[in-house]
Protein backbone atom coordinates (compact mmCIF):
# COMPACT_ATOMS: atom_id res chain seq x y z
CA MET A 1 -40.42 3.70 -66.43
CA ASP A 2 -37.17 5.74 -67.62
CA ILE A 3 -36.28 3.03 -70.02
CA VAL A 4 -39.13 4.48 -72.33
CA VAL A 5 -37.66 7.95 -72.42
CA TYR A 6 -35.20 7.11 -74.82
CA PRO A 7 -37.03 5.18 -77.59
CA ILE A 8 -40.04 7.95 -77.08
CA TYR A 9 -37.21 10.91 -77.85
CA LEU A 10 -35.91 8.66 -80.77
CA VAL A 11 -39.21 8.61 -82.27
CA TYR A 12 -39.25 12.48 -81.63
CA ALA A 13 -36.17 13.01 -83.60
CA ILE A 14 -36.25 10.69 -86.55
CA PHE A 15 -40.28 11.50 -87.65
CA ILE A 16 -40.51 15.29 -86.19
CA LEU A 17 -36.90 16.45 -86.44
CA LYS A 18 -36.19 14.64 -89.67
CA GLN A 19 -33.13 13.02 -87.92
CA ARG A 20 -31.12 10.32 -89.33
CA PHE A 21 -31.42 7.24 -86.80
CA LYS A 22 -27.46 6.04 -87.01
CA GLU A 23 -26.00 9.67 -86.53
CA THR A 24 -28.44 10.22 -83.46
CA ILE A 25 -27.67 7.08 -81.78
CA LYS A 26 -23.52 7.88 -82.42
CA GLU A 27 -24.10 11.73 -81.37
CA ASP A 28 -26.03 11.04 -78.18
CA PHE A 29 -23.52 7.80 -77.33
CA LYS A 30 -20.82 10.58 -77.39
CA LEU A 31 -22.22 11.03 -73.27
CA PHE A 32 -20.55 7.85 -72.32
CA GLY A 33 -16.84 8.94 -74.00
CA ARG A 34 -15.34 8.84 -77.07
CA ARG A 35 -14.77 5.00 -77.28
CA VAL A 36 -18.26 3.61 -76.17
CA THR A 37 -17.89 0.27 -74.06
CA PHE A 38 -20.20 -1.79 -71.49
CA LEU A 39 -17.66 -0.54 -69.05
CA SER A 40 -17.63 3.09 -69.66
CA ILE A 41 -21.33 3.06 -69.36
CA THR A 42 -21.38 1.04 -66.13
CA ILE A 43 -18.94 3.42 -65.21
CA HIS A 44 -21.32 6.75 -66.10
CA ILE A 45 -24.53 5.19 -64.75
CA LEU A 46 -23.69 2.85 -61.80
CA PRO A 47 -22.68 5.13 -59.22
CA PHE A 48 -25.53 7.66 -59.52
CA LEU A 49 -27.69 4.78 -59.59
CA VAL A 50 -26.30 3.40 -56.13
CA VAL A 51 -26.79 6.41 -54.49
CA ASN A 52 -30.45 6.76 -55.97
CA VAL A 53 -31.27 3.50 -54.58
CA LEU A 54 -29.83 4.34 -51.39
CA THR A 55 -31.70 7.59 -50.82
CA SER A 56 -34.90 6.58 -52.13
CA TYR A 57 -34.67 3.77 -49.99
CA ALA A 58 -33.84 6.25 -46.63
CA TYR A 59 -36.30 8.44 -47.72
CA ALA A 60 -39.18 5.71 -48.04
CA ARG A 61 -37.77 4.18 -44.61
CA GLY A 62 -37.83 7.75 -42.81
CA LEU A 63 -41.21 8.44 -44.34
CA SER A 64 -42.68 5.40 -42.63
CA LYS A 65 -41.62 6.72 -39.24
CA ILE A 66 -42.32 10.55 -39.62
CA ALA A 67 -45.04 12.66 -41.50
CA SER A 68 -44.54 13.14 -45.15
CA SER A 69 -44.74 17.02 -44.79
CA ALA A 70 -41.81 16.45 -41.89
CA ALA A 71 -40.24 14.58 -44.47
CA GLY A 72 -40.24 16.97 -47.41
CA ILE A 73 -39.16 19.75 -44.91
CA LEU A 74 -36.35 17.83 -44.01
CA SER A 75 -35.47 17.57 -47.70
CA GLY A 76 -34.56 21.31 -47.31
CA MET A 77 -30.89 19.96 -46.03
CA ASN A 78 -30.62 19.26 -49.70
CA PRO A 79 -30.13 22.92 -50.89
CA THR A 80 -27.47 23.56 -47.96
CA VAL A 81 -25.29 20.80 -49.48
CA VAL A 82 -26.01 21.93 -52.69
CA PHE A 83 -24.73 25.23 -52.28
CA ILE A 84 -21.45 24.41 -50.24
CA GLU A 85 -20.56 21.86 -52.78
CA SER A 86 -21.53 24.21 -55.77
CA LEU A 87 -18.80 26.29 -54.59
CA ILE A 88 -16.34 23.71 -54.14
CA VAL A 89 -17.11 21.44 -56.96
CA LEU A 90 -18.53 23.47 -59.73
CA ARG A 91 -16.53 26.87 -58.68
CA GLU A 92 -19.78 28.42 -59.10
CA LYS A 93 -20.00 32.20 -57.86
CA PHE A 94 -20.96 33.18 -54.36
CA LEU A 95 -23.93 35.38 -54.31
CA PHE A 96 -24.99 36.76 -51.24
CA ARG A 97 -28.43 35.69 -52.47
CA LYS A 98 -28.09 32.14 -52.60
CA ALA A 99 -26.40 32.20 -49.16
CA PHE A 100 -29.20 33.71 -47.42
CA ALA A 101 -31.65 31.45 -49.34
CA THR A 102 -29.51 28.56 -47.68
CA LEU A 103 -29.97 29.83 -44.01
CA PHE A 104 -33.42 30.13 -44.68
CA VAL A 105 -33.86 26.68 -45.44
CA VAL A 106 -32.00 25.55 -42.65
CA GLY A 107 -33.89 27.83 -40.08
CA GLY A 108 -37.24 25.97 -41.64
CA ILE A 109 -35.43 22.81 -40.72
CA ILE A 110 -34.15 23.47 -37.61
CA THR A 111 -37.55 25.06 -36.45
CA ILE A 112 -39.80 22.26 -37.92
CA SER A 113 -37.61 19.53 -36.20
CA PHE A 114 -38.61 20.61 -32.46
CA ASP A 115 -42.23 20.17 -33.50
CA SER A 116 -42.65 16.72 -32.19
CA GLU A 117 -46.50 16.77 -33.84
CA PHE A 118 -44.84 16.42 -37.16
CA THR A 119 -41.24 14.81 -36.65
CA GLY A 120 -41.44 12.61 -33.37
CA SER A 121 -39.13 10.01 -34.37
CA ALA A 122 -34.91 10.75 -34.21
CA VAL A 123 -34.60 8.12 -36.58
CA GLY A 124 -37.05 9.11 -39.21
CA ILE A 125 -35.27 12.67 -39.11
CA ILE A 126 -31.71 11.45 -39.71
CA LEU A 127 -32.80 8.62 -42.45
CA VAL A 128 -34.56 11.68 -44.30
CA LEU A 129 -31.65 14.13 -44.04
CA ALA A 130 -28.96 11.41 -45.29
CA SER A 131 -31.38 10.68 -48.19
CA SER A 132 -31.47 14.72 -48.90
CA ILE A 133 -27.52 14.67 -48.46
CA GLY A 134 -26.82 12.49 -50.97
CA SER A 135 -29.39 13.43 -53.25
CA GLY A 136 -27.71 17.10 -52.97
CA THR A 137 -24.33 15.55 -53.58
CA SER A 138 -25.59 13.09 -56.82
CA ASN A 139 -27.23 16.43 -58.15
CA VAL A 140 -24.26 18.00 -58.03
CA MET A 141 -21.78 15.65 -59.25
CA PHE A 142 -24.06 14.66 -62.07
CA LYS A 143 -23.68 18.71 -63.19
CA LYS A 144 -19.93 18.00 -62.99
CA VAL A 145 -19.84 14.90 -64.98
CA PHE A 146 -21.80 15.77 -67.93
CA GLY A 147 -22.32 19.19 -68.03
CA ARG A 148 -25.31 20.52 -70.33
CA PRO A 149 -25.63 17.80 -72.50
CA SER A 150 -28.55 17.60 -75.04
CA LEU A 151 -31.97 16.74 -75.26
CA GLY A 152 -30.99 13.26 -76.48
CA LYS A 153 -28.12 12.34 -74.27
CA LEU A 154 -30.41 13.34 -71.15
CA CYS A 155 -32.89 10.82 -72.31
CA LEU A 156 -30.45 8.01 -73.10
CA TYR A 157 -28.85 8.80 -69.45
CA LEU A 158 -32.28 8.14 -68.07
CA SER A 159 -33.29 5.15 -70.04
CA PHE A 160 -30.06 3.46 -69.02
CA ILE A 161 -30.79 4.43 -65.47
CA GLY A 162 -34.09 2.69 -65.74
CA LEU A 163 -32.46 -0.38 -67.38
CA PHE A 164 -29.70 -0.76 -64.78
CA ASN A 165 -32.40 -0.21 -62.02
CA ILE A 166 -34.32 -2.87 -63.32
CA THR A 167 -31.80 -5.71 -63.68
CA LEU A 168 -30.05 -4.93 -60.57
CA ASN A 169 -32.85 -4.32 -57.98
CA ILE A 170 -34.72 -7.37 -59.41
CA ILE A 171 -32.08 -9.54 -58.18
CA PRO A 172 -32.18 -8.87 -54.25
CA THR A 173 -35.92 -8.93 -54.94
CA VAL A 174 -35.80 -12.62 -56.13
CA ILE A 175 -33.72 -13.80 -53.56
CA LEU A 176 -35.77 -12.57 -50.97
CA VAL A 177 -39.05 -14.04 -52.14
CA LYS A 178 -37.53 -17.51 -52.95
CA THR A 179 -35.91 -17.53 -49.46
CA ASN A 180 -39.04 -16.59 -47.64
CA VAL A 181 -37.52 -13.43 -46.28
CA ASP A 182 -40.34 -11.83 -47.80
CA ARG A 183 -43.48 -12.16 -49.48
CA ILE A 184 -45.74 -10.73 -52.12
CA THR A 185 -49.29 -11.11 -52.44
CA TRP A 186 -49.95 -10.01 -56.20
CA GLU A 187 -54.02 -9.65 -54.87
CA HIS A 188 -53.09 -7.43 -52.24
CA VAL A 189 -50.90 -5.26 -54.06
CA PRO A 190 -52.84 -1.77 -54.50
CA TRP A 191 -52.01 -1.01 -58.26
CA GLY A 192 -53.71 2.07 -58.79
CA PRO A 193 -51.16 4.21 -56.41
CA VAL A 194 -48.32 1.78 -57.37
CA LEU A 195 -48.98 2.97 -61.03
CA GLY A 196 -49.40 6.56 -59.74
CA VAL A 197 -46.41 7.17 -57.80
CA ALA A 198 -44.42 5.55 -61.11
CA VAL A 199 -45.64 8.05 -63.17
CA LEU A 200 -45.18 10.66 -60.65
CA SER A 201 -41.35 9.82 -60.11
CA LEU A 202 -40.81 9.36 -64.02
CA PHE A 203 -42.11 13.22 -64.09
CA LEU A 204 -39.96 14.30 -60.96
CA THR A 205 -37.12 12.68 -62.48
CA VAL A 206 -37.33 13.83 -66.05
CA LEU A 207 -37.78 17.28 -64.74
CA SER A 208 -35.30 17.35 -62.26
CA ILE A 209 -32.57 16.27 -64.78
CA PHE A 210 -33.27 18.67 -67.32
CA GLY A 211 -33.48 21.29 -64.48
CA ILE A 212 -30.04 20.48 -63.30
CA ALA A 213 -28.76 20.13 -66.90
CA LEU A 214 -30.13 23.45 -68.04
CA LEU A 215 -30.22 25.54 -64.66
CA SER A 216 -28.21 24.92 -61.63
CA PRO A 217 -28.53 22.29 -58.67
CA LEU A 218 -29.44 24.89 -56.24
CA VAL A 219 -31.89 26.36 -58.10
CA ILE A 220 -33.91 22.66 -58.12
CA SER A 221 -33.33 21.55 -55.00
CA ILE A 222 -34.94 24.87 -53.41
CA GLY A 223 -37.30 24.87 -56.24
CA ALA A 224 -38.62 21.33 -55.27
CA ILE A 225 -39.39 22.44 -51.59
CA PHE A 226 -42.14 24.77 -53.25
CA GLY A 227 -44.53 21.82 -52.73
CA LEU A 228 -44.26 21.47 -49.09
CA PRO A 229 -47.19 23.30 -47.45
CA LEU A 230 -49.28 20.80 -49.91
CA ASN A 231 -47.48 17.87 -47.98
CA ALA A 232 -48.74 19.64 -44.75
CA ALA A 233 -52.11 20.11 -46.16
CA MET A 234 -52.52 16.77 -46.77
CA ASP A 235 -51.38 15.57 -43.79
CA ILE A 236 -53.46 18.05 -41.75
CA ILE A 237 -56.53 16.62 -43.83
CA PHE A 238 -56.12 12.97 -44.05
CA ARG A 239 -53.93 12.29 -40.78
CA ASN A 240 -55.73 14.51 -38.74
CA MET A 241 -52.47 16.28 -37.58
CA THR A 242 -52.89 20.09 -36.42
CA ILE A 243 -51.21 23.14 -37.76
CA THR A 244 -48.32 24.16 -35.19
CA SER A 245 -46.53 27.78 -34.79
CA LYS A 246 -43.24 25.67 -35.51
CA LEU A 247 -44.40 24.30 -38.91
CA VAL A 248 -45.76 27.51 -39.81
CA ILE A 249 -42.77 29.70 -39.41
CA GLY A 250 -40.66 26.64 -40.78
CA VAL A 251 -42.61 26.74 -44.25
CA VAL A 252 -42.75 30.34 -44.27
CA LEU A 253 -38.53 30.34 -43.73
CA ILE A 254 -38.55 27.99 -46.42
CA LEU A 255 -40.88 30.00 -49.04
CA ILE A 256 -38.61 32.95 -48.30
CA SER A 257 -35.88 31.07 -49.36
CA VAL A 258 -37.52 30.01 -52.79
CA LEU A 259 -38.26 33.50 -53.59
CA LEU A 260 -34.54 34.49 -53.07
CA ILE A 261 -33.25 31.88 -55.08
CA SER A 262 -36.09 32.70 -57.62
CA ILE A 263 -35.51 36.17 -58.12
CA PRO A 264 -32.32 37.37 -59.97
CA ILE A 265 -31.70 40.23 -57.68
CA GLU A 266 -28.20 40.57 -59.31
CA GLU A 267 -29.27 40.54 -62.73
CA ILE A 268 -32.33 42.92 -62.16
CA TRP A 269 -29.87 45.58 -60.03
CA GLU A 270 -27.05 45.04 -63.02
CA ASN A 271 -30.03 46.03 -65.94
CA TYR A 272 -30.95 48.92 -63.53
CA LYS A 273 -27.13 50.00 -63.35
CA GLY A 274 -26.88 49.56 -67.12
CA LYS A 275 -29.85 51.30 -68.30
CA ARG A 276 -29.13 54.18 -65.74
CA GLU A 277 -25.40 54.59 -67.05
CA ASP A 278 -26.76 54.76 -70.32
CA GLU A 279 -29.28 57.48 -69.81
CA ILE A 280 -26.51 59.39 -68.07
CA LYS A 281 -24.28 59.00 -71.00
CA LYS A 282 -27.18 60.20 -73.23
CA GLU A 283 -27.43 63.60 -70.94
CA ILE A 284 -23.76 64.34 -70.97
CA ILE A 285 -23.68 63.52 -74.54
CA SER A 286 -27.23 65.61 -75.29
CA GLN A 287 -25.44 68.59 -73.21
CA THR A 288 -22.28 68.48 -74.79
CA SER A 289 -24.02 68.67 -78.27
CA GLU A 290 -26.11 71.71 -76.67
CA SER A 291 -22.88 73.18 -75.50
CA ASN A 292 -21.31 73.27 -78.55
CA ALA A 293 -24.11 74.25 -80.43
CA SER A 294 -24.07 77.32 -78.20
CA ILE A 295 -20.76 78.14 -78.67
CA THR A 296 -21.10 77.58 -82.48
CA ILE A 297 -23.76 80.22 -82.61
CA GLU A 298 -22.00 82.69 -80.39
CA LYS A 299 -19.20 82.76 -82.56
CA PHE A 300 -21.26 83.45 -85.57
């Protein structure tokens, strides 16, 4: 469904923003370099697509072996990878707030991984963690390669990801079906859930890509974990799992990390210091003016 993103943007750009079609296309395709060729597009798109497919497959396989809430919580390894790689690759400034947020995420993951009620399978844990590490690396490299692209360029990127995805992934599907390794019974396909997952996946992808471009990979990675309590609630309601102390402690630690990464403590402190310094300067100027005035009066 990612394919439709850029055509929708073009309609918006031409009819709402009153931009010219050719100029818009020319500007957006600069995403792939000065000289746009099929090779340059492939170089920019294919590595991210491969990582996306592998991480999605690993996550889906892991999800079949452990609870969805545990899978979501173990994805908390993502912020740790993003934090470390952002310092190395993106040369981001080291902030203690982000470091503590990362430590709380790791603590939450370790706590929940010992909960056999929600995890249980070591293979499932390894697959989900591998998916999380791959996803975090992909987010950092996207920021490194594309920086802060415009809205049109982001939409173009998403559409090419969708186009390459359909073109390449349909090949192994056809081979598996033709060789009778796998079989698709169209009457038994749950189209409602499939379409629902497709729409939600598109929504998640769009928000993630825009968030990474406009904000920071670490903010998006930790922000995504905010839905973990909902996953746990689904497992408890629909899979009759019981709430354990380890799950509660793990979720609390992860939510604390979300708060740490969401509240710009450094900026608030700097603004407070700046205002305080301005107030002190005004007081000094006011006292100096009053003393000068008193001296002038005494002379008269």
